[in-house]
Amino acid sequence: MGKDQQATSYVTFSVDEGRTWNDYYFSETPIEIYNINEIVNNSLYIYGRDSSDRGVIIGLDMSGLFEK
């Protein structure tokens, strides 16, 4: 989750159906996010642009956050 139409350097997520929320910082500088996809096994891919207008893809492996 993030503020709509604003560059950000973190994602906010919950692993307990919204009872608690956590921030994960994925970048030192904010990027403008265009899309977030869950590909497989709780891996997220964030697609966006940095302040220099370069395309950015960030992969986050969230699988370690969930009980097996």
PDB file of N, CA and C in Angstrom:
ATOM      1  N   MET A   1       0.840  -1.170   0.000  1.00  0.00           N
ATOM      2  CA  MET A   1       0.000   0.000   0.000  1.00  0.00           C
ATOM      3  C   MET A   1       0.887   1.236   0.000  1.00  0.00           C
ATOM      4  N   GLY A   2       0.389   2.256  -0.573  1.00  0.00           N
ATOM      5  CA  GLY A   2       1.125   3.508  -0.587  1.00  0.00           C
ATOM      6  C   GLY A   2       0.184   4.628  -0.961  1.00  0.00           C
ATOM      7  N   LYS A   3       0.652   5.835  -0.823  1.00  0.00           N
ATOM      8  CA  LYS A   3      -0.159   6.975  -1.209  1.00  0.00           C
ATOM      9  C   LYS A   3      -0.260   7.001  -2.722  1.00  0.00           C
ATOM     10  N   ASP A   4      -1.439   7.239  -3.213  1.00  0.00           N
ATOM     11  CA  ASP A   4      -1.692   7.250  -4.643  1.00  0.00           C
ATOM     12  C   ASP A   4      -1.003   8.442  -5.302  1.00  0.00           C
ATOM     13  N   GLN A   5      -0.335   8.171  -6.430  1.00  0.00           N
ATOM     14  CA  GLN A   5       0.276   9.204  -7.264  1.00  0.00           C
ATOM     15  C   GLN A   5       1.435   9.921  -6.587  1.00  0.00           C
ATOM     16  N   GLN A   6       2.134   9.253  -5.654  1.00  0.00           N
ATOM     17  CA  GLN A   6       3.306   9.837  -5.034  1.00  0.00           C
ATOM     18  C   GLN A   6       4.442   8.829  -5.079  1.00  0.00           C
ATOM     19  N   ALA A   7       5.659   9.314  -5.329  1.00  0.00           N
ATOM     20  CA  ALA A   7       6.821   8.443  -5.303  1.00  0.00           C
ATOM     21  C   ALA A   7       7.044   7.959  -3.870  1.00  0.00           C
ATOM     22  N   THR A   8       7.575   6.749  -3.737  1.00  0.00           N
ATOM     23  CA  THR A   8       7.801   6.170  -2.415  1.00  0.00           C
ATOM     24  C   THR A   8       9.040   5.292  -2.435  1.00  0.00           C
ATOM     25  N   SER A   9       9.543   4.989  -1.269  1.00  0.00           N
ATOM     26  CA  SER A   9      10.693   4.104  -1.145  1.00  0.00           C
ATOM     27  C   SER A   9      10.377   2.894  -0.271  1.00  0.00           C
ATOM     28  N   TYR A  10       9.086   2.685   0.023  1.00  0.00           N
ATOM     29  CA  TYR A  10       8.716   1.557   0.866  1.00  0.00           C
ATOM     30  C   TYR A  10       7.339   1.004   0.495  1.00  0.00           C
ATOM     31  N   VAL A  11       7.092  -0.212   0.939  1.00  0.00           N
ATOM     32  CA  VAL A  11       5.767  -0.815   0.838  1.00  0.00           C
ATOM     33  C   VAL A  11       5.295  -1.114   2.255  1.00  0.00           C
ATOM     34  N   THR A  12       3.997  -1.068   2.460  1.00  0.00           N
ATOM     35  CA  THR A  12       3.388  -1.423   3.732  1.00  0.00           C
ATOM     36  C   THR A  12       2.621  -2.714   3.509  1.00  0.00           C
ATOM     37  N   PHE A  13       2.821  -3.674   4.416  1.00  0.00           N
ATOM     38  CA  PHE A  13       2.194  -4.975   4.217  1.00  0.00           C
ATOM     39  C   PHE A  13       1.748  -5.574   5.544  1.00  0.00           C
ATOM     40  N   SER A  14       0.856  -6.558   5.454  1.00  0.00           N
ATOM     41  CA  SER A  14       0.374  -7.295   6.611  1.00  0.00           C
ATOM     42  C   SER A  14       0.460  -8.782   6.303  1.00  0.00           C
ATOM     43  N   VAL A  15       0.852  -9.564   7.303  1.00  0.00           N
ATOM     44  CA  VAL A  15       0.878 -11.024   7.139  1.00  0.00           C
ATOM     45  C   VAL A  15      -0.151 -11.695   8.057  1.00  0.00           C
ATOM     46  N   ASP A  16      -0.957 -10.884   8.734  1.00  0.00           N
ATOM     47  CA  ASP A  16      -1.966 -11.433   9.648  1.00  0.00           C
ATOM     48  C   ASP A  16      -3.351 -10.853   9.370  1.00  0.00           C
ATOM     49  N   GLU A  17      -3.668 -10.741   8.098  1.00  0.00           N
ATOM     50  CA  GLU A  17      -4.977 -10.279   7.628  1.00  0.00           C
ATOM     51  C   GLU A  17      -5.330  -8.882   8.143  1.00  0.00           C
ATOM     52  N   GLY A  18      -4.328  -8.014   8.238  1.00  0.00           N
ATOM     53  CA  GLY A  18      -4.567  -6.618   8.566  1.00  0.00           C
ATOM     54  C   GLY A  18      -4.587  -6.275  10.043  1.00  0.00           C
ATOM     55  N   ARG A  19      -4.294  -7.221  10.921  1.00  0.00           N
ATOM     56  CA  ARG A  19      -4.257  -6.888  12.349  1.00  0.00           C
ATOM     57  C   ARG A  19      -3.057  -6.007  12.685  1.00  0.00           C
ATOM     58  N   THR A  20      -1.927  -6.268  12.035  1.00  0.00           N
ATOM     59  CA  THR A  20      -0.748  -5.421  12.207  1.00  0.00           C
ATOM     60  C   THR A  20      -0.169  -5.128  10.831  1.00  0.00           C
ATOM     61  N   TRP A  21       0.519  -3.989  10.735  1.00  0.00           N
ATOM     62  CA  TRP A  21       1.094  -3.545   9.470  1.00  0.00           C
ATOM     63  C   TRP A  21       2.570  -3.251   9.649  1.00  0.00           C
ATOM     64  N   ASN A  22       3.361  -3.523   8.611  1.00  0.00           N
ATOM     65  CA  ASN A  22       4.805  -3.316   8.629  1.00  0.00           C
ATOM     66  C   ASN A  22       5.222  -2.535   7.389  1.00  0.00           C
ATOM     67  N   ASP A  23       6.251  -1.696   7.535  1.00  0.00           N
ATOM     68  CA  ASP A  23       6.845  -0.996   6.399  1.00  0.00           C
ATOM     69  C   ASP A  23       8.139  -1.699   6.030  1.00  0.00           C
ATOM     70  N   TYR A  24       8.360  -1.883   4.732  1.00  0.00           N
ATOM     71  CA  TYR A  24       9.627  -2.427   4.243  1.00  0.00           C
ATOM     72  C   TYR A  24      10.203  -1.426   3.254  1.00  0.00           C
ATOM     73  N   TYR A  25      11.389  -0.896   3.565  1.00  0.00           N
ATOM     74  CA  TYR A  25      12.056   0.073   2.699  1.00  0.00           C
ATOM     75  C   TYR A  25      12.891  -0.674   1.664  1.00  0.00           C
ATOM     76  N   PHE A  26      12.567  -0.475   0.399  1.00  0.00           N
ATOM     77  CA  PHE A  26      13.244  -1.178  -0.688  1.00  0.00           C
ATOM     78  C   PHE A  26      14.226  -0.290  -1.443  1.00  0.00           C
ATOM     79  N   SER A  27      14.267   0.992  -1.129  1.00  0.00           N
ATOM     80  CA  SER A  27      15.129   1.916  -1.858  1.00  0.00           C
ATOM     81  C   SER A  27      15.485   3.097  -0.974  1.00  0.00           C
ATOM     82  N   GLU A  28      16.681   3.655  -1.184  1.00  0.00           N
ATOM     83  CA  GLU A  28      17.068   4.866  -0.456  1.00  0.00           C
ATOM     84  C   GLU A  28      16.409   6.100  -1.045  1.00  0.00           C
ATOM     85  N   THR A  29      16.088   6.036  -2.336  1.00  0.00           N
ATOM     86  CA  THR A  29      15.430   7.159  -2.989  1.00  0.00           C
ATOM     87  C   THR A  29      14.060   6.714  -3.489  1.00  0.00           C
ATOM     88  N   PRO A  30      13.074   7.593  -3.426  1.00  0.00           N
ATOM     89  CA  PRO A  30      11.731   7.226  -3.846  1.00  0.00           C
ATOM     90  C   PRO A  30      11.638   6.935  -5.342  1.00  0.00           C
ATOM     91  N   ILE A  31      10.742   6.027  -5.697  1.00  0.00           N
ATOM     92  CA  ILE A  31      10.427   5.762  -7.100  1.00  0.00           C
ATOM     93  C   ILE A  31       8.922   5.908  -7.295  1.00  0.00           C
ATOM     94  N   GLU A  32       8.546   6.237  -8.514  1.00  0.00           N
ATOM     95  CA  GLU A  32       7.131   6.315  -8.870  1.00  0.00           C
ATOM     96  C   GLU A  32       6.709   4.924  -9.321  1.00  0.00           C
ATOM     97  N   ILE A  33       5.811   4.306  -8.583  1.00  0.00           N
ATOM     98  CA  ILE A  33       5.405   2.927  -8.858  1.00  0.00           C
ATOM     99  C   ILE A  33       4.251   2.917  -9.846  1.00  0.00           C
ATOM    100  N   TYR A  34       4.392   2.052 -10.859  1.00  0.00           N
ATOM    101  CA  TYR A  34       3.329   1.873 -11.846  1.00  0.00           C
ATOM    102  C   TYR A  34       2.546   0.597 -11.614  1.00  0.00           C
ATOM    103  N   ASN A  35       3.194  -0.419 -11.058  1.00  0.00           N
ATOM    104  CA  ASN A  35       2.520  -1.697 -10.901  1.00  0.00           C
ATOM    105  C   ASN A  35       3.259  -2.537  -9.869  1.00  0.00           C
ATOM    106  N   ILE A  36       2.529  -3.375  -9.153  1.00  0.00           N
ATOM    107  CA  ILE A  36       3.099  -4.376  -8.258  1.00  0.00           C
ATOM    108  C   ILE A  36       2.425  -5.692  -8.592  1.00  0.00           C
ATOM    109  N   ASN A  37       3.234  -6.703  -8.890  1.00  0.00           N
ATOM    110  CA  ASN A  37       2.703  -8.025  -9.221  1.00  0.00           C
ATOM    111  C   ASN A  37       3.235  -9.068  -8.267  1.00  0.00           C
ATOM    112  N   GLU A  38       2.367  -9.989  -7.851  1.00  0.00           N
ATOM    113  CA  GLU A  38       2.824 -11.171  -7.148  1.00  0.00           C
ATOM    114  C   GLU A  38       3.004 -12.241  -8.213  1.00  0.00           C
ATOM    115  N   ILE A  39       4.220 -12.731  -8.390  1.00  0.00           N
ATOM    116  CA  ILE A  39       4.503 -13.680  -9.456  1.00  0.00           C
ATOM    117  C   ILE A  39       4.293 -15.108  -8.971  1.00  0.00           C
ATOM    118  N   VAL A  40       5.044 -15.533  -7.975  1.00  0.00           N
ATOM    119  CA  VAL A  40       4.913 -16.903  -7.474  1.00  0.00           C
ATOM    120  C   VAL A  40       5.437 -16.959  -6.041  1.00  0.00           C
ATOM    121  N   ASN A  41       4.804 -17.755  -5.215  1.00  0.00           N
ATOM    122  CA  ASN A  41       5.270 -18.007  -3.845  1.00  0.00           C
ATOM    123  C   ASN A  41       5.612 -16.744  -3.063  1.00  0.00           C
ATOM    124  N   ASN A  42       4.712 -15.790  -3.083  1.00  0.00           N
ATOM    125  CA  ASN A  42       4.860 -14.558  -2.307  1.00  0.00           C
ATOM    126  C   ASN A  42       6.052 -13.701  -2.710  1.00  0.00           C
ATOM    127  N   SER A  43       6.465 -13.770  -3.951  1.00  0.00           N
ATOM    128  CA  SER A  43       7.480 -12.866  -4.479  1.00  0.00           C
ATOM    129  C   SER A  43       6.774 -11.710  -5.169  1.00  0.00           C
ATOM    130  N   LEU A  44       7.161 -10.495  -4.813  1.00  0.00           N
ATOM    131  CA  LEU A  44       6.557  -9.302  -5.401  1.00  0.00           C
ATOM    132  C   LEU A  44       7.545  -8.632  -6.337  1.00  0.00           C
ATOM    133  N   TYR A  45       7.031  -8.105  -7.431  1.00  0.00           N
ATOM    134  CA  TYR A  45       7.839  -7.315  -8.350  1.00  0.00           C
ATOM    135  C   TYR A  45       7.211  -5.942  -8.458  1.00  0.00           C
ATOM    136  N   ILE A  46       8.021  -4.934  -8.183  1.00  0.00           N
ATOM    137  CA  ILE A  46       7.585  -3.545  -8.223  1.00  0.00           C
ATOM    138  C   ILE A  46       8.165  -2.917  -9.485  1.00  0.00           C
ATOM    139  N   TYR A  47       7.304  -2.321 -10.301  1.00  0.00           N
ATOM    140  CA  TYR A  47       7.707  -1.677 -11.545  1.00  0.00           C
ATOM    141  C   TYR A  47       7.486  -0.179 -11.399  1.00  0.00           C
ATOM    142  N   GLY A  48       8.507   0.610 -11.747  1.00  0.00           N
ATOM    143  CA  GLY A  48       8.356   2.050 -11.627  1.00  0.00           C
ATOM    144  C   GLY A  48       9.458   2.811 -12.334  1.00  0.00           C
ATOM    145  N   ARG A  49       9.589   4.084 -11.969  1.00  0.00           N
ATOM    146  CA  ARG A  49      10.610   4.969 -12.533  1.00  0.00           C
ATOM    147  C   ARG A  49      11.258   5.740 -11.394  1.00  0.00           C
ATOM    148  N   ASP A  50      12.576   5.939 -11.516  1.00  0.00           N
ATOM    149  CA  ASP A  50      13.289   6.709 -10.500  1.00  0.00           C
ATOM    150  C   ASP A  50      13.253   8.195 -10.849  1.00  0.00           C
ATOM    151  N   SER A  51      13.934   9.005 -10.051  1.00  0.00           N
ATOM    152  CA  SER A  51      13.893  10.458 -10.257  1.00  0.00           C
ATOM    153  C   SER A  51      14.567  10.896 -11.552  1.00  0.00           C
ATOM    154  N   SER A  52      15.394  10.018 -12.146  1.00  0.00           N
ATOM    155  CA  SER A  52      16.027  10.314 -13.436  1.00  0.00           C
ATOM    156  C   SER A  52      15.203   9.784 -14.606  1.00  0.00           C
ATOM    157  N   ASP A  53      13.987   9.313 -14.323  1.00  0.00           N
ATOM    158  CA  ASP A  53      13.055   8.772 -15.311  1.00  0.00           C
ATOM    159  C   ASP A  53      13.542   7.457 -15.924  1.00  0.00           C
ATOM    160  N   ARG A  54      14.411   6.741 -15.206  1.00  0.00           N
ATOM    161  CA  ARG A  54      14.853   5.415 -15.651  1.00  0.00           C
ATOM    162  C   ARG A  54      13.890   4.369 -15.123  1.00  0.00           C
ATOM    163  N   GLY A  55      13.623   3.354 -15.934  1.00  0.00           N
ATOM    164  CA  GLY A  55      12.773   2.250 -15.506  1.00  0.00           C
ATOM    165  C   GLY A  55      13.437   1.446 -14.403  1.00  0.00           C
ATOM    166  N   VAL A  56      12.642   1.009 -13.432  1.00  0.00           N
ATOM    167  CA  VAL A  56      13.142   0.256 -12.285  1.00  0.00           C
ATOM    168  C   VAL A  56      12.246  -0.950 -12.068  1.00  0.00           C
ATOM    169  N   ILE A  57      12.857  -2.112 -11.842  1.00  0.00           N
ATOM    170  CA  ILE A  57      12.133  -3.307 -11.411  1.00  0.00           C
ATOM    171  C   ILE A  57      12.803  -3.789 -10.137  1.00  0.00           C
ATOM    172  N   ILE A  58      12.017  -3.929  -9.072  1.00  0.00           N
ATOM    173  CA  ILE A  58      12.537  -4.378  -7.784  1.00  0.00           C
ATOM    174  C   ILE A  58      11.815  -5.661  -7.410  1.00  0.00           C
ATOM    175  N   GLY A  59      12.572  -6.706  -7.115  1.00  0.00           N
ATOM    176  CA  GLY A  59      11.995  -7.979  -6.695  1.00  0.00           C
ATOM    177  C   GLY A  59      12.109  -8.134  -5.187  1.00  0.00           C
ATOM    178  N   LEU A  60      11.003  -8.492  -4.536  1.00  0.00           N
ATOM    179  CA  LEU A  60      10.983  -8.712  -3.092  1.00  0.00           C
ATOM    180  C   LEU A  60      10.524 -10.142  -2.825  1.00  0.00           C
ATOM    181  N   ASP A  61      11.361 -10.933  -2.186  1.00  0.00           N
ATOM    182  CA  ASP A  61      10.990 -12.292  -1.804  1.00  0.00           C
ATOM    183  C   ASP A  61      10.393 -12.235  -0.416  1.00  0.00           C
ATOM    184  N   MET A  62       9.074 -12.318  -0.342  1.00  0.00           N
ATOM    185  CA  MET A  62       8.352 -12.212   0.930  1.00  0.00           C
ATOM    186  C   MET A  62       8.060 -13.584   1.542  1.00  0.00           C
ATOM    187  N   SER A  63       8.520 -14.649   0.933  1.00  0.00           N
ATOM    188  CA  SER A  63       8.157 -16.003   1.370  1.00  0.00           C
ATOM    189  C   SER A  63       8.626 -16.297   2.794  1.00  0.00           C
ATOM    190  N   GLY A  64       9.707 -15.704   3.257  1.00  0.00           N
ATOM    191  CA  GLY A  64      10.192 -15.942   4.600  1.00  0.00           C
ATOM    192  C   GLY A  64       9.304 -15.352   5.691  1.00  0.00           C
ATOM    193  N   LEU A  65       8.337 -14.546   5.317  1.00  0.00           N
ATOM    194  CA  LEU A  65       7.454 -13.909   6.286  1.00  0.00           C
ATOM    195  C   LEU A  65       6.257 -14.766   6.663  1.00  0.00           C
ATOM    196  N   PHE A  66       6.031 -15.829   5.917  1.00  0.00           N
ATOM    197  CA  PHE A  66       4.845 -16.648   6.116  1.00  0.00           C
ATOM    198  C   PHE A  66       5.224 -18.019   6.657  1.00  0.00           C
ATOM    199  N   GLU A  67       4.386 -18.536   7.555  1.00  0.00           N
ATOM    200  CA  GLU A  67       4.606 -19.880   8.083  1.00  0.00           C
ATOM    201  C   GLU A  67       4.318 -20.899   6.996  1.00  0.00           C
ATOM    202  N   LYS A  68       5.098 -21.968   7.013  1.00  0.00           N
ATOM    203  CA  LYS A  68       4.904 -23.022   6.010  1.00  0.00           C
ATOM    204  C   LYS A  68       4.045 -24.130   6.545  1.00  0.00           C
TER     205      LYS A  68
END
